[in-house]
Protein backbone atom coordinates (compact mmCIF):
# COMPACT_ATOMS: atom_id res chain seq x y z
CA MET A 1 -0.28 -0.14 -0.07
CA SER A 2 1.43 3.30 -1.06
CA VAL A 3 1.62 6.20 1.36
CA SER A 4 -1.09 8.47 -0.60
CA GLU A 5 -3.41 5.16 -0.11
CA ILE A 6 -3.05 5.23 3.60
CA ALA A 7 -6.21 7.20 5.20
CA LEU A 8 -5.48 10.05 7.16
CA SER A 9 -6.98 10.18 10.82
CA PRO A 10 -9.35 13.50 11.42
CA ALA A 11 -6.41 14.96 13.24
CA GLU A 12 -3.74 14.16 10.15
CA THR A 13 -6.40 15.43 8.08
CA VAL A 14 -6.74 18.79 9.86
CA LEU A 15 -3.29 19.42 10.05
CA GLN A 16 -2.86 18.77 6.37
CA GLN A 17 -5.73 21.46 5.41
CA THR A 18 -4.37 24.05 7.92
CA ALA A 19 -0.77 23.94 7.26
CA ASP A 20 -1.00 26.97 5.13
CA LEU A 21 -2.60 29.27 7.95
CA ARG A 22 -0.19 27.46 10.44
CA ALA A 23 2.77 28.30 8.38
CA GLU A 24 1.45 32.01 8.06
CA LEU A 25 0.97 32.64 11.89
CA LEU A 26 4.50 31.13 12.75
CA ALA A 27 6.15 33.47 10.41
CA HIS A 28 4.16 36.19 11.59
CA PRO A 29 6.48 39.31 12.53
CA ILE A 30 5.08 39.86 15.81
CA TYR A 31 7.48 37.54 17.26
CA GLU A 32 10.36 39.60 16.64
CA SER A 33 8.69 43.17 17.02
CA VAL A 34 8.62 43.39 20.57
CA ARG A 35 11.58 45.49 21.33
CA SER A 36 10.73 47.28 24.67
CA ILE A 37 9.14 47.16 27.89
CA ASP A 38 6.02 49.50 26.33
CA GLN A 39 5.66 47.24 23.31
CA LEU A 40 5.49 44.06 25.40
CA GLY A 41 2.83 46.00 27.73
CA THR A 42 0.82 46.63 24.26
CA PHE A 43 0.97 42.89 23.34
CA MET A 44 -0.11 41.63 26.89
CA SER A 45 -3.01 43.93 27.18
CA HIS A 46 -4.59 42.63 23.56
CA HIS A 47 -3.35 38.92 24.44
CA VAL A 48 -4.83 38.58 27.73
CA PHE A 49 -7.94 38.47 26.61
CA ALA A 50 -7.25 35.14 24.65
CA VAL A 51 -5.78 33.77 28.16
CA CYS A 52 -9.09 34.43 29.43
CA ASP A 53 -11.29 33.17 26.67
CA PHE A 54 -9.23 29.99 26.67
CA MET A 55 -11.12 28.93 29.49
CA TRP A 56 -14.47 29.12 28.15
CA LEU A 57 -13.54 26.48 25.42
CA LEU A 58 -11.83 24.48 28.25
CA LYS A 59 -14.80 24.60 30.40
CA ARG A 60 -17.09 23.74 27.59
CA LEU A 61 -15.25 20.41 26.78
CA GLN A 62 -15.33 19.79 30.32
CA ARG A 63 -18.75 19.98 30.58
CA GLU A 64 -19.24 17.61 27.42
CA ILE A 65 -16.88 15.05 28.33
CA CYS A 66 -16.67 15.09 31.92
CA GLY A 67 -19.90 15.80 33.30
CA THR A 68 -20.56 18.63 35.64
CA ALA A 69 -24.29 18.12 36.53
CA ASN A 70 -25.93 16.05 39.25
CA PRO A 71 -26.70 13.37 39.72
CA TRP A 72 -23.43 12.55 38.16
CA THR A 73 -22.90 9.56 35.83
CA PRO A 74 -19.86 7.81 34.60
CA PRO A 75 -18.15 9.63 31.67
CA ALA A 76 -18.11 8.05 28.44
CA ASN A 77 -14.91 8.10 27.60
CA PRO A 78 -12.63 8.11 30.63
CA GLN A 79 -9.72 8.65 28.74
CA LEU A 80 -10.85 12.00 27.33
CA ALA A 81 -12.33 12.97 31.14
CA ARG A 82 -8.65 12.49 32.28
CA PHE A 83 -7.08 14.61 29.64
CA ILE A 84 -9.62 17.25 30.19
CA ASN A 85 -9.52 17.14 33.86
CA GLU A 86 -5.85 17.48 34.05
CA ILE A 87 -5.88 20.38 32.01
CA VAL A 88 -8.40 21.95 33.95
CA LEU A 89 -6.35 21.20 37.26
CA GLY A 90 -3.30 22.86 35.68
CA GLU A 91 -4.86 25.91 34.11
CA GLU A 92 -6.97 26.88 37.35
CA SER A 93 -4.53 26.04 39.94
CA ASP A 94 -0.83 25.35 38.56
CA GLU A 95 2.21 25.93 40.42
CA ASP A 96 3.23 29.46 40.35
CA GLY A 97 6.81 28.98 40.87
CA GLN A 98 6.85 30.64 44.33
CA GLY A 99 5.53 27.53 46.33
CA GLY A 100 1.85 28.24 45.67
CA TYR A 101 -0.81 27.68 43.20
CA ARG A 102 -2.96 30.24 41.08
CA SER A 103 -4.61 29.90 37.47
CA HIS A 104 -3.00 30.44 34.60
CA PHE A 105 -4.87 33.65 33.96
CA GLU A 106 -3.81 34.93 37.22
CA LEU A 107 0.00 34.38 36.61
CA TYR A 108 -0.55 36.34 33.26
CA ARG A 109 -2.35 38.92 34.78
CA ALA A 110 0.52 39.24 37.39
CA ALA A 111 3.00 39.55 34.79
CA MET A 112 1.32 42.40 33.13
CA ASP A 113 1.88 44.07 36.47
CA ASP A 114 5.56 43.24 36.34
CA VAL A 115 5.80 44.95 33.07
CA GLY A 116 3.56 47.70 33.83
CA ALA A 117 0.91 46.75 31.10
CA GLU A 118 -2.39 48.27 30.87
CA THR A 119 -4.71 46.23 33.02
CA SER A 120 -7.64 48.44 33.07
CA ARG A 121 -9.83 46.71 30.51
CA ILE A 122 -9.51 43.25 31.41
CA ASP A 123 -10.19 44.15 35.18
CA GLU A 124 -13.22 46.07 34.29
CA PHE A 125 -14.14 43.10 31.62
CA LEU A 126 -13.91 40.70 34.32
CA THR A 127 -15.92 42.92 36.73
CA LEU A 128 -19.02 43.28 34.39
CA LEU A 129 -18.83 39.29 33.97
CA ASN A 130 -18.97 38.79 37.75
CA ASN A 131 -22.10 41.28 37.71
CA ALA A 132 -23.80 38.83 35.46
CA SER A 133 -23.04 41.03 31.89
CA SER A 134 -22.83 39.14 28.83
CA VAL A 135 -19.91 38.56 26.85
CA PRO A 136 -20.97 40.83 24.11
CA ALA A 137 -22.55 43.34 26.68
CA ALA A 138 -19.59 43.55 28.39
CA LEU A 139 -17.23 43.99 25.15
CA CYS A 140 -19.31 46.79 24.04
CA GLN A 141 -19.06 48.69 27.22
CA LEU A 142 -15.19 48.40 26.89
CA ASP A 143 -12.64 50.45 24.86
CA VAL A 144 -11.07 47.47 23.30
CA PRO A 145 -9.50 46.85 19.64
CA ALA A 146 -11.42 45.75 17.34
CA SER A 147 -9.03 42.71 17.02
CA VAL A 148 -9.77 41.93 20.35
CA ARG A 149 -13.34 42.16 20.24
CA ARG A 150 -13.63 40.07 17.10
CA PHE A 151 -11.50 37.23 18.74
CA THR A 152 -13.00 37.25 21.81
CA THR A 153 -16.49 37.21 20.62
CA THR A 154 -15.74 34.31 18.05
CA ASN A 155 -14.52 32.07 20.94
CA TYR A 156 -17.65 32.86 22.89
CA ASP A 157 -20.02 32.29 20.23
CA LEU A 158 -17.96 28.88 19.47
CA ALA A 159 -18.06 27.79 22.88
CA THR A 160 -21.33 28.08 23.81
CA THR A 161 -22.99 27.30 20.45
CA GLY A 162 -20.56 25.10 18.39
CA SER A 163 -20.31 21.19 18.58
CA ALA A 164 -18.20 19.60 20.83
CA ALA A 165 -15.85 18.48 18.13
CA GLN A 166 -15.53 21.82 16.79
CA VAL A 167 -14.69 23.11 19.97
CA ALA A 168 -11.97 20.51 20.33
CA ALA A 169 -10.72 21.90 17.02
CA ALA A 170 -10.16 25.21 18.22
CA PHE A 171 -8.94 23.99 21.27
CA CYS A 172 -6.32 21.65 19.75
CA PHE A 173 -5.31 23.64 16.46
CA GLY A 174 -5.90 26.89 17.54
CA ARG A 175 -4.29 26.72 21.17
CA GLU A 176 -2.75 23.12 22.39
CA ASP A 177 -1.13 21.94 19.66
CA ILE A 178 0.27 25.46 18.22
CA ILE A 179 0.95 27.05 21.22
CA PRO A 180 4.36 25.67 21.93
CA ASP A 181 5.52 27.02 18.70
CA MET A 182 4.16 30.36 19.19
CA PHE A 183 5.49 30.95 22.66
CA GLU A 184 8.77 29.66 21.46
CA ARG A 185 9.20 32.31 19.09
CA LEU A 186 7.75 34.74 21.53
CA LEU A 187 10.37 34.17 24.24
CA ALA A 188 13.09 33.96 21.64
CA GLY A 189 11.84 37.69 20.55
CA PHE A 190 11.97 39.07 24.34
CA GLN A 191 15.13 37.48 25.02
CA SER A 192 17.04 38.77 21.85
CA SER A 193 15.62 42.33 22.48
CA GLY A 194 16.88 42.32 26.02
CA VAL A 195 13.52 42.56 27.23
CA ALA A 196 13.42 41.24 31.15
CA THR A 197 9.97 39.48 31.76
CA PRO A 198 10.80 36.93 34.74
CA ALA A 199 6.96 36.65 35.56
CA LEU A 200 6.17 36.00 31.64
CA GLN A 201 8.88 33.73 30.92
CA HIS A 202 7.69 31.54 33.76
CA TYR A 203 4.25 31.47 32.04
CA ILE A 204 5.53 30.85 28.63
CA GLU A 205 7.90 28.34 29.68
CA ARG A 206 5.18 26.38 31.38
CA HIS A 207 3.05 26.41 28.59
CA ILE A 208 5.58 24.82 26.36
CA GLU A 209 6.30 22.64 28.67
CA LEU A 210 2.77 21.33 29.41
CA ASP A 211 1.38 21.39 25.97
CA GLY A 212 4.49 20.40 23.67
CA ASP A 213 5.14 17.06 26.30
CA HIS A 214 1.38 16.09 27.18
CA HIS A 215 -1.55 18.51 26.03
CA GLY A 216 -0.65 18.78 22.46
CA PRO A 217 -0.47 15.29 21.68
CA LEU A 218 -3.48 14.48 23.92
CA ALA A 219 -5.62 17.09 22.03
CA LEU A 220 -5.06 15.63 18.63
CA GLU A 221 -6.33 12.11 19.99
CA MET A 222 -9.61 14.00 21.19
CA VAL A 223 -10.16 15.77 17.89
CA ASN A 224 -9.88 12.04 16.32
CA LEU A 225 -12.27 10.59 19.05
CA LEU A 226 -14.99 13.43 18.78
CA CYS A 227 -14.88 13.61 15.03
CA GLY A 228 -15.33 9.60 14.50
CA ASP A 229 -15.70 8.75 11.05
CA SER A 230 -18.50 11.36 9.81
CA PRO A 231 -17.41 13.05 6.63
CA GLN A 232 -19.68 16.15 7.51
CA MET A 233 -18.06 16.20 11.17
CA LEU A 234 -14.52 16.34 9.49
CA HIS A 235 -15.80 18.91 7.25
CA ASP A 236 -16.92 21.42 10.29
CA VAL A 237 -13.75 20.60 12.36
CA VAL A 238 -11.29 21.51 9.47
CA ALA A 239 -13.21 24.79 9.31
CA ALA A 240 -13.51 25.30 12.83
CA ALA A 241 -9.62 24.84 12.90
CA ARG A 242 -8.78 26.98 10.28
CA SER A 243 -11.47 29.86 11.72
CA ALA A 244 -9.15 29.50 14.78
CA ILE A 245 -5.80 29.84 13.41
CA ALA A 246 -7.26 32.92 11.06
CA ASN A 247 -8.58 34.69 14.20
CA ARG A 248 -5.19 34.25 16.18
CA ILE A 249 -3.56 36.11 12.94
CA GLU A 250 -5.72 38.45 13.07
CA LEU A 251 -5.26 39.22 16.76
CA TRP A 252 -1.58 39.34 16.05
CA ASP A 253 -2.09 41.86 13.31
CA GLY A 254 -4.09 44.05 15.79
CA VAL A 255 -1.12 43.89 18.00
CA LEU A 256 1.30 44.86 15.55
CA SER A 257 -0.76 47.79 14.47
CA ALA A 258 -1.18 49.26 17.89
CA MET A 259 2.53 48.75 18.40
CA SER A 260 3.57 50.91 15.38
């Protein structure tokens, strides 16, 4: 049997059909454009919304795969449930590098203080959400860049209305699978510019370690299991993955424009 005759898994198909966007994202000029603390602060004030909405996708998957309702019943796929619960544990209560535990969002928010990044918009956003404002309504009350608004709204819509397989595709190919490559480029750019970011460096290195060594491969398997052998589901999953990567490119475009 030739290589061309070997059927690709759903995850392999998605990787093949998103290769162009993945290459564009990893070649984005943002990684080499952060040359000062001020520019880093601008980057973080945009990117923090992506750190926040990551949890919306993750919590949707936890609800779908692990079950969060009472009465509890065993998950249909214990392997996937274990994987999602591992990620939730790390994202909500990871080691903070100082002997304690904090969510990854809190680690990132603390790193923003370290570099003097603008934090009023993300803080107000969370306040509005805690006061029962909807995501679209909260964003409308904030003076956030258009690229941030579109990125965040798109992920919220997906997390609330997309299928589990579509959410998994965005989570895998827009986050877990590609984050190590993105973050390695970001960290190299910061370091080559002489920008000292110990708190942010801890955050980035922790993600590279977790996503590259363990979470990324399991996320690919999650897509395979949720997609199954449905041609329509595969079509939807490819579209969701392409949209997630394209949205990230647009977010980086917005950061680059704000830094110039």
